[in-house]
Amino acid sequence: MDSAIQRRWQAMENMKSQILQEIKNWGTQELQHQNSSNDWNALQVIQHIIISEKGTLGYLMKKTSSGVEGLDKVTAMGKAAGTELQKALKSSEKWKAPNVMPDPEPIDLEKSIAYWLSLRVKYEEFLGNLDPAFIPLEIFKHPLAGRIDLMDTLDFLSNHIQHHMYQLERIKRAQKLT
């Protein structure tokens, strides 16, 4: 695996571990608590992250399946959009999920974690076998940022979890679990 990809992969794994560590001692009531009828509970947050990662991997696999031919190098505007996406996700500000994302359904936490772990095995295999020639190319189309390169895509996946850690903090504070 390319060293830059490896660093980002490790960041993704660290964020996954952090969010799972955060909720591991939450009881059923805490996991299902919604601060309001329009807010997600912790289970829905986890489900949303998994759905996002699954869709992203599927998109990456499809975009890379035909080789680098036909893929453009990311533009300066694409790099700027990727940077803005990262800044937005690192903030604790609330954002509505893009319309392309389905609303998360109620889930069984243990089954979802098992699925997430298996999805991460697929990510590691994909990234480990990816030709480094794909790194600077428009490999992913984020619903808000548009076309971004692989590094911004991997940063998005880490920062996406970080962003939802803030959401879990709000859920905890509302329940006085801190």
Foldseek 3Di string as FASTA:
>chain_A
DDPLVVVLLVLLVVLVVVLCVVCVPPDPCLQCDALDPPGGGNQQLLQQLLQVLVVFVVLLCVLPVVHPPPWAFQDPLLVVLLVVLLVVLLDLDDDDPDPVGDRGDHDDVVVSVVVSVVSSVVVVVCVVPDDCVQQRTQRDQDRPSGGHGPSSVSSNSSSNSNNCVSVSVVSCVSVVVD
